[in-house]
């Protein structure tokens, strides 16, 4: 007969031996087991993707799930005396779901290709820690729950290739924009402005096919100045098109200047003096100034077109905008040929 004391000894030997140390041993050994399973499934993924064999991947996932859950149960039995079957199934399921999510969204590359190795280790470690929920004691149960949440956070926060590419494109665009702005500032090729008494530079466009400035007098007269840098010598007839306007038709033959367009050397002007176009071969620039009335004048706060006398007085007063003013008014919105018009009421 077995005495009560012998029975107690047998029960003690067969009782679960759950301690924090034993549970940690199970978790610690589960991590390399998960990495091994991860590698095997990753290899099967490569074979399936490049070999057009989706059934290989499906079979590998099912076998890997069963092997991992069984392996965890064996480890748990050896160290704690309990198989922790539910914990093994849950941990295997967590790793499977995390791996599938990472693969589909491009977050985790196949481990067999030796990509994202550290991220694979982190995912396996967090998945293994979820066993703490089932193994105990209480601190490990809490740690297991936290690791499950952390795993979700890791997969949610790691950027996908699409997101990474978008960030790279944005950074490249920002770098390009910064270089374009810096190059423009170094060039000093800014719009022309006037410092003629009684006139203001009320609207400026940094560049584009041209750099333009709208000027307005204190009496409401309006004109626009355009400068083109690095220009080629114009066709002898072309400037007349630039300074033309309503009521100024090409009233002569195709090889002759119209009656209202007068050329003097490298300068073309309307016969009434309300528009002038000039080409400077020394600097390789073209400039033209035109009077504007009606809506164009009202749009910039004026009321009437500049007169021939206004145009004649403005031309010698024109000079490139200062670097300080270009940086203040134009640099913030500078975008090469797409630069917008900028209001400069106090310039």
Foldseek 3Di string as FASTA:
>chain_A
DDDPVNVVVVCVVLAWAFDPVLLVVLLVVLLVLLVVLLLQLLVQVVCCVVVVPVVSNVVSLVVSLVVQLQVSQVSSCVRTVGSLSVLSNQLSVQLSVLVVLCVVQQNDHRCNVVPPVVVSSLSSSLSSLLSLCVRDDPVSVVSNVVSSVVSVVVSVPRDGPVVVVVVVVVVVVVVVLVVVLVVLLVVLPADKDFPPPQKDFFKWFGAAQWTKTWMAGVQQAIKMKTKHAQADQDDPAVVCVVADDPPQDQPDDPVDHRPQWDDDPQKIAGVQQQKIWGADPVRNMIMMMHWDADPVSVVRPGHGTDGNVRNVVGVVRIDGDDSVVCVVFFSVQDDHNPTDMTTDGPD
